């Protein structure tokens, strides 16, 4: 295991133009490829003081800093935390994640996560994958509810990683936005990256990663619009940033919009998930209705 702390690498002329992830694999022998992927995804790798994507092309003189965090805990602790199990087989688990539940442990949040709940019900998950996120191949924000798929073995994990990378997985969300959204169908295409002055937020930025969200209006409700949104890319906070960026923030989103008197969190629910089975051409399709708190909010707004 790598030692916690900062690792600093200077880019020499001989590797100019090399991808960041490849550079780290070659210059950080104490880090595995999966650890490097996780560090980059968690914005713990910077180039000249700015977080960068894996494909970032390096230039001579660039200063690369890798922040290896202190492990939240040596081993995961199984915990009895309620969640709804939608489907399970020998390869996949599909769950309905409740709002308020963080997906996996991270610095400052060592327990009480979905992963702790999953290994309590499925102890075999601890036998493969990254130590603090076994089986996890995608995430939902803490205060976003709905469908998630996790892998039960390494072969299934690699299959899902490939499906997400090729954009074969389809993810649709029910979203309530502030205002009357028009036209009734459309797509938002705008690159997303870290906010230039607030590293805890994302933003639409010219040098961000490609991001596309398509949508269709379901109905209008007293100054709000209920929308079905499908993300064709999986950027952090994508739906929230995109709708706020066009002037229709997600209802109840205190980070990118405004708080709501009828909601304690953002109105965002993963209600449909499609992905290919391990063999053959079968497509798994799952749907999940709105939870009680969002149904109540719709009822109150409709009045």
Protein backbone atom coordinates (compact mmCIF):
# COMPACT_ATOMS: atom_id res chain seq x y z
CA UNK A 1 0.00 0.00 0.00
CA UNK A 2 1.32 3.51 -0.79
CA UNK A 3 2.26 5.78 2.09
CA UNK A 4 -0.20 8.63 2.75
CA UNK A 5 1.04 12.10 1.88
CA UNK A 6 2.11 14.17 -1.13
CA UNK A 7 4.08 12.79 -4.04
CA UNK A 8 5.52 15.33 -6.49
CA UNK A 9 6.63 14.57 -10.04
CA UNK A 10 8.24 16.98 -12.52
CA UNK A 11 7.52 16.37 -16.20
CA UNK A 12 10.68 15.97 -18.28
CA UNK A 13 10.95 16.79 -21.98
CA UNK A 14 11.13 13.09 -22.85
CA UNK A 15 7.51 12.51 -21.78
CA UNK A 16 5.95 15.71 -23.16
CA UNK A 17 2.56 14.90 -24.68
CA UNK A 18 2.05 11.78 -22.56
CA UNK A 19 -1.31 11.15 -20.91
CA UNK A 20 -1.46 11.87 -17.18
CA UNK A 21 -2.66 8.37 -16.23
CA UNK A 22 0.12 6.68 -18.22
CA UNK A 23 2.70 9.03 -16.71
CA UNK A 24 1.56 8.13 -13.19
CA UNK A 25 1.64 4.39 -13.92
CA UNK A 26 5.26 4.73 -15.09
CA UNK A 27 6.47 7.07 -12.32
CA UNK A 28 4.49 5.82 -9.29
CA UNK A 29 5.35 2.13 -8.88
CA UNK A 30 3.73 2.03 -5.44
CA UNK A 31 0.31 2.86 -6.95
CA UNK A 32 -1.77 0.36 -8.92
CA UNK A 33 -3.68 1.38 -12.05
CA UNK A 34 -6.99 1.19 -10.17
CA UNK A 35 -5.61 3.32 -7.31
CA UNK A 36 -4.43 5.92 -9.84
CA UNK A 37 -7.88 5.97 -11.48
CA UNK A 38 -9.54 6.52 -8.09
CA UNK A 39 -7.12 9.30 -7.07
CA UNK A 40 -7.72 11.15 -10.36
CA UNK A 41 -11.50 10.69 -10.11
CA UNK A 42 -11.45 12.05 -6.54
CA UNK A 43 -9.46 15.14 -7.70
CA UNK A 44 -6.43 14.12 -5.63
CA UNK A 45 -4.05 14.58 -8.58
CA UNK A 46 -3.22 18.08 -9.80
CA UNK A 47 -1.17 19.45 -12.69
CA UNK A 48 0.22 22.92 -11.95
CA UNK A 49 -2.27 23.29 -9.12
CA UNK A 50 -5.38 22.24 -11.07
CA UNK A 51 -7.13 18.86 -11.05
CA UNK A 52 -6.93 17.10 -14.39
CA UNK A 53 -8.60 14.29 -16.25
CA UNK A 54 -6.77 10.97 -17.01
CA UNK A 55 -6.30 11.93 -20.67
CA UNK A 56 -4.66 15.31 -19.88
CA UNK A 57 -1.58 15.74 -22.08
CA UNK A 58 1.48 16.78 -20.10
CA UNK A 59 4.00 19.47 -21.06
CA UNK A 60 7.65 19.92 -20.14
CA UNK A 61 8.00 21.45 -16.69
CA UNK A 62 4.52 20.55 -15.49
CA UNK A 63 4.37 19.89 -11.75
CA UNK A 64 2.22 16.87 -10.91
CA UNK A 65 1.16 16.46 -7.28
CA UNK A 66 -0.45 13.24 -6.04
CA UNK A 67 -2.24 13.45 -2.68
CA UNK A 68 -2.47 9.97 -1.21
CA UNK A 69 -5.02 10.16 1.64
CA UNK A 70 -4.79 8.32 4.90
CA UNK A 71 -7.02 5.25 4.52
CA UNK A 72 -10.41 5.81 6.07
CA UNK A 73 -10.03 2.40 7.66
CA UNK A 74 -7.93 -0.70 6.98
CA UNK A 75 -10.98 -2.88 6.37
CA UNK A 76 -14.59 -2.15 5.70
CA UNK A 77 -17.01 -2.57 8.56
CA UNK A 78 -20.28 -4.37 7.73
CA UNK A 79 -23.20 -2.30 8.98
CA UNK A 80 -26.94 -2.88 9.17
CA UNK A 81 -28.19 0.01 7.03
CA UNK A 82 -31.56 -0.30 5.27
CA UNK A 83 -31.79 -0.17 1.49
CA UNK A 84 -34.17 -1.69 -1.06
CA UNK A 85 -32.79 -4.61 -3.05
CA UNK A 86 -34.32 -4.54 -6.54
CA UNK A 87 -32.47 -7.44 -8.18
CA UNK A 88 -29.60 -9.86 -7.59
CA UNK A 89 -27.90 -12.68 -9.45
CA UNK A 90 -24.41 -14.15 -9.37
CA UNK A 91 -22.98 -11.14 -11.27
CA UNK A 92 -25.01 -8.03 -10.43
CA UNK A 93 -26.86 -6.30 -7.62
CA UNK A 94 -29.37 -3.53 -8.37
CA UNK A 95 -30.52 -1.41 -5.45
CA UNK A 96 -32.75 1.58 -4.79
CA UNK A 97 -30.42 3.93 -2.90
CA UNK A 98 -32.20 6.10 -0.34
CA UNK A 99 -31.44 9.82 -0.21
CA UNK A 100 -28.96 10.81 2.49
CA UNK A 101 -26.75 7.74 2.02
CA UNK A 102 -23.19 8.24 0.75
CA UNK A 103 -22.11 5.53 -1.71
CA UNK A 104 -18.64 4.64 -0.42
CA UNK A 105 -16.18 5.57 2.35
CA UNK A 106 -13.91 8.56 1.81
CA UNK A 107 -11.62 10.70 3.97
CA UNK A 108 -13.75 12.12 6.77
CA UNK A 109 -16.58 9.67 6.08
CA UNK A 110 -15.28 6.22 7.05
CA UNK A 111 -18.55 4.40 7.68
CA UNK A 112 -22.32 4.58 7.37
CA UNK A 113 -22.20 4.23 3.57
CA UNK A 114 -23.94 2.08 0.98
CA UNK A 115 -20.80 -0.05 0.70
CA UNK A 116 -20.93 -0.81 4.44
CA UNK A 117 -24.54 -1.91 3.96
CA UNK A 118 -23.75 -4.00 0.88
CA UNK A 119 -20.92 -6.00 2.46
CA UNK A 120 -23.15 -6.67 5.44
CA UNK A 121 -25.65 -8.38 3.12
CA UNK A 122 -23.12 -9.67 0.56
CA UNK A 123 -19.84 -10.52 2.39
CA UNK A 124 -18.28 -11.91 -0.82
CA UNK A 125 -17.97 -8.33 -2.15
CA UNK A 126 -14.91 -7.86 0.05
CA UNK A 127 -13.01 -10.43 -1.99
CA UNK A 128 -12.32 -8.26 -5.05
CA UNK A 129 -12.04 -4.72 -6.38
CA UNK A 130 -10.79 -1.55 -4.73
CA UNK A 131 -10.58 -2.01 -0.96
CA UNK A 132 -13.01 0.74 0.04
CA UNK A 133 -15.43 0.51 -2.89
CA UNK A 134 -15.83 -3.18 -3.88
CA UNK A 135 -18.17 -3.66 -6.81
CA UNK A 136 -18.84 0.06 -7.21
CA UNK A 137 -18.67 1.24 -10.84
CA UNK A 138 -20.76 4.44 -10.68
CA UNK A 139 -22.17 6.74 -8.01
CA UNK A 140 -25.18 8.79 -7.09
CA UNK A 141 -24.85 11.98 -5.03
CA UNK A 142 -25.56 11.52 -1.33
CA UNK A 143 -28.92 13.32 -1.59
CA UNK A 144 -29.94 11.68 -4.88
CA UNK A 145 -32.13 8.58 -4.63
CA UNK A 146 -32.77 5.71 -6.98
CA UNK A 147 -31.31 2.89 -9.01
CA UNK A 148 -27.67 1.80 -8.89
CA UNK A 149 -25.95 -1.34 -10.14
CA UNK A 150 -22.92 -2.93 -8.47
CA UNK A 151 -20.83 -5.93 -9.50
CA UNK A 152 -20.53 -9.16 -7.49
CA UNK A 153 -17.27 -10.39 -9.01
CA UNK A 154 -14.27 -9.00 -10.86
CA UNK A 155 -15.43 -10.21 -14.28
CA UNK A 156 -18.77 -8.45 -13.83
CA UNK A 157 -17.00 -5.32 -12.57
CA UNK A 158 -14.82 -5.14 -15.68
CA UNK A 159 -17.90 -5.76 -17.85
CA UNK A 160 -19.76 -2.84 -16.27
CA UNK A 161 -16.72 -0.57 -16.46
CA UNK A 162 -16.58 -1.31 -20.20
CA UNK A 163 -20.30 -0.67 -20.61
CA UNK A 164 -20.09 2.70 -18.88
CA UNK A 165 -16.98 3.64 -20.85
CA UNK A 166 -18.69 2.83 -24.17
CA UNK A 167 -21.84 4.68 -22.99
CA UNK A 168 -23.95 1.56 -23.44
CA UNK A 169 -25.56 1.96 -20.01
CA UNK A 170 -28.73 4.09 -20.11
CA UNK A 171 -29.61 6.10 -16.99
CA UNK A 172 -32.77 8.19 -16.73
CA UNK A 173 -33.77 10.49 -13.89
CA UNK A 174 -36.95 12.20 -12.73
CA UNK A 175 -36.09 15.84 -12.03
CA UNK A 176 -38.13 18.81 -10.85
CA UNK A 177 -36.71 22.13 -12.04
CA UNK A 178 -37.66 25.69 -11.12
CA UNK A 179 -39.46 27.56 -13.88
CA UNK A 180 -41.34 26.60 -17.04
CA UNK A 181 -38.80 24.69 -19.12
CA UNK A 182 -39.18 25.11 -22.87
CA UNK A 183 -38.95 23.60 -25.42
CA UNK A 184 -40.59 20.41 -24.17
CA UNK A 185 -37.78 18.22 -25.50
CA UNK A 186 -34.14 19.05 -25.99
CA UNK A 187 -30.55 18.44 -25.05
CA UNK A 188 -28.01 20.38 -23.05
CA UNK A 189 -24.45 20.10 -24.34
CA UNK A 190 -21.89 21.95 -22.25
CA UNK A 191 -18.48 20.87 -20.87
CA UNK A 192 -18.25 20.35 -17.11
CA UNK A 193 -15.21 20.72 -14.86
CA UNK A 194 -14.22 21.92 -11.41
CA UNK A 195 -15.44 25.41 -10.51
CA UNK A 196 -12.48 27.78 -10.97
CA UNK A 197 -12.79 29.29 -7.48
CA UNK A 198 -14.71 26.67 -5.45
CA UNK A 199 -13.14 23.21 -5.65
CA UNK A 200 -16.14 21.57 -3.99
CA UNK A 201 -18.43 22.57 -6.87
CA UNK A 202 -18.61 21.76 -10.55
CA UNK A 203 -19.35 24.26 -13.30
CA UNK A 204 -19.77 24.69 -17.04
CA UNK A 205 -16.23 25.62 -18.12
CA UNK A 206 -14.62 25.85 -21.54
CA UNK A 207 -11.85 23.39 -20.64
CA UNK A 208 -14.19 20.91 -18.94
CA UNK A 209 -15.09 17.40 -20.03
CA UNK A 210 -17.71 16.81 -22.72
CA UNK A 211 -21.18 16.43 -21.19
CA UNK A 212 -24.62 15.89 -22.71
CA UNK A 213 -28.03 15.68 -21.02
CA UNK A 214 -31.20 15.04 -23.04
CA UNK A 215 -34.64 15.69 -21.55
CA UNK A 216 -38.39 15.65 -22.10
CA UNK A 217 -41.00 17.56 -20.12
CA UNK A 218 -43.51 15.38 -18.29
CA UNK A 219 -45.72 18.16 -16.90
CA UNK A 220 -45.79 21.75 -15.66
CA UNK A 221 -46.71 22.49 -12.02
CA UNK A 222 -47.19 26.01 -10.62
CA UNK A 223 -43.86 27.50 -11.60
CA UNK A 224 -41.99 24.18 -11.77
CA UNK A 225 -41.42 21.56 -14.48
CA UNK A 226 -41.21 17.80 -13.94
CA UNK A 227 -38.69 16.39 -16.39
CA UNK A 228 -37.28 13.03 -17.41
CA UNK A 229 -33.57 13.50 -18.07
CA UNK A 230 -31.13 11.02 -19.56
CA UNK A 231 -27.41 11.52 -19.12
CA UNK A 232 -25.32 10.41 -22.06
CA UNK A 233 -22.12 11.15 -20.13
CA UNK A 234 -21.52 10.66 -16.42
CA UNK A 235 -19.94 13.83 -15.07
CA UNK A 236 -20.07 14.80 -11.40
CA UNK A 237 -23.31 16.71 -10.59
CA UNK A 238 -24.06 16.73 -14.35
CA UNK A 239 -27.85 17.15 -14.25
CA UNK A 240 -27.71 19.74 -11.48
CA UNK A 241 -25.02 21.79 -13.23
CA UNK A 242 -26.61 21.57 -16.68
CA UNK A 243 -30.11 22.65 -15.66
CA UNK A 244 -28.76 25.43 -13.43
CA UNK A 245 -26.60 26.54 -16.34
CA UNK A 246 -29.62 27.14 -18.60
CA UNK A 247 -31.55 28.95 -15.88
CA UNK A 248 -33.73 26.11 -14.54
CA UNK A 249 -32.04 24.85 -11.33
CA UNK A 250 -33.12 21.58 -9.76
CA UNK A 251 -35.73 22.23 -7.05
CA UNK A 252 -34.30 22.02 -3.54
CA UNK A 253 -30.67 22.15 -4.73
CA UNK A 254 -29.00 24.55 -2.29
CA UNK A 255 -25.59 24.24 -4.05
CA UNK A 256 -26.52 25.13 -7.63
CA UNK A 257 -29.96 26.65 -7.09
CA UNK A 258 -32.01 27.57 -4.04
CA UNK A 259 -33.54 25.73 -1.10
CA UNK A 260 -37.20 24.79 -1.28
CA UNK A 261 -39.85 25.11 1.46
CA UNK A 262 -41.26 21.68 0.48
CA UNK A 263 -37.99 19.75 0.01
CA UNK A 264 -35.08 18.82 2.27
CA UNK A 265 -32.87 17.85 -0.68
CA UNK A 266 -32.61 18.20 -4.44
CA UNK A 267 -35.49 16.68 -6.42
CA UNK A 268 -33.41 14.13 -8.34
CA UNK A 269 -34.27 10.43 -8.59
CA UNK A 270 -32.66 7.71 -10.74
CA UNK A 271 -35.80 5.96 -11.97
CA UNK A 272 -34.68 3.87 -14.97
CA UNK A 273 -31.51 1.85 -15.59
CA UNK A 274 -30.56 -0.33 -18.57
CA UNK A 275 -27.41 -2.38 -19.10
CA UNK A 276 -26.30 -5.48 -21.01
CA UNK A 277 -26.07 -8.88 -19.36
CA UNK A 278 -22.69 -10.61 -19.18
CA UNK A 279 -23.47 -13.00 -22.05
CA UNK A 280 -25.72 -12.89 -25.09
CA UNK A 281 -27.75 -9.88 -26.11
CA UNK A 282 -30.10 -9.66 -23.14
CA UNK A 283 -30.71 -6.16 -21.76
CA UNK A 284 -31.52 -5.72 -18.08
CA UNK A 285 -34.14 -2.97 -17.63
CA UNK A 286 -35.18 -1.68 -14.19
CA UNK A 287 -37.54 1.09 -13.13
CA UNK A 288 -38.21 2.62 -9.74
CA UNK A 289 -40.97 5.05 -8.70
CA UNK A 290 -40.52 8.26 -6.74
CA UNK A 291 -39.89 7.94 -2.99
CA UNK A 292 -42.41 9.33 -0.51
CA UNK A 293 -40.64 12.64 0.14
CA UNK A 294 -40.60 13.57 -3.55
CA UNK A 295 -44.21 12.45 -4.05
CA UNK A 296 -45.22 14.69 -1.13
CA UNK A 297 -43.33 17.62 -2.63
CA UNK A 298 -45.16 17.19 -5.96
CA UNK A 299 -48.50 17.08 -4.14
CA UNK A 300 -47.75 20.26 -2.20
CA UNK A 301 -46.54 22.12 -5.27
CA UNK A 302 -49.58 21.00 -7.27
CA UNK A 303 -51.88 22.63 -4.72
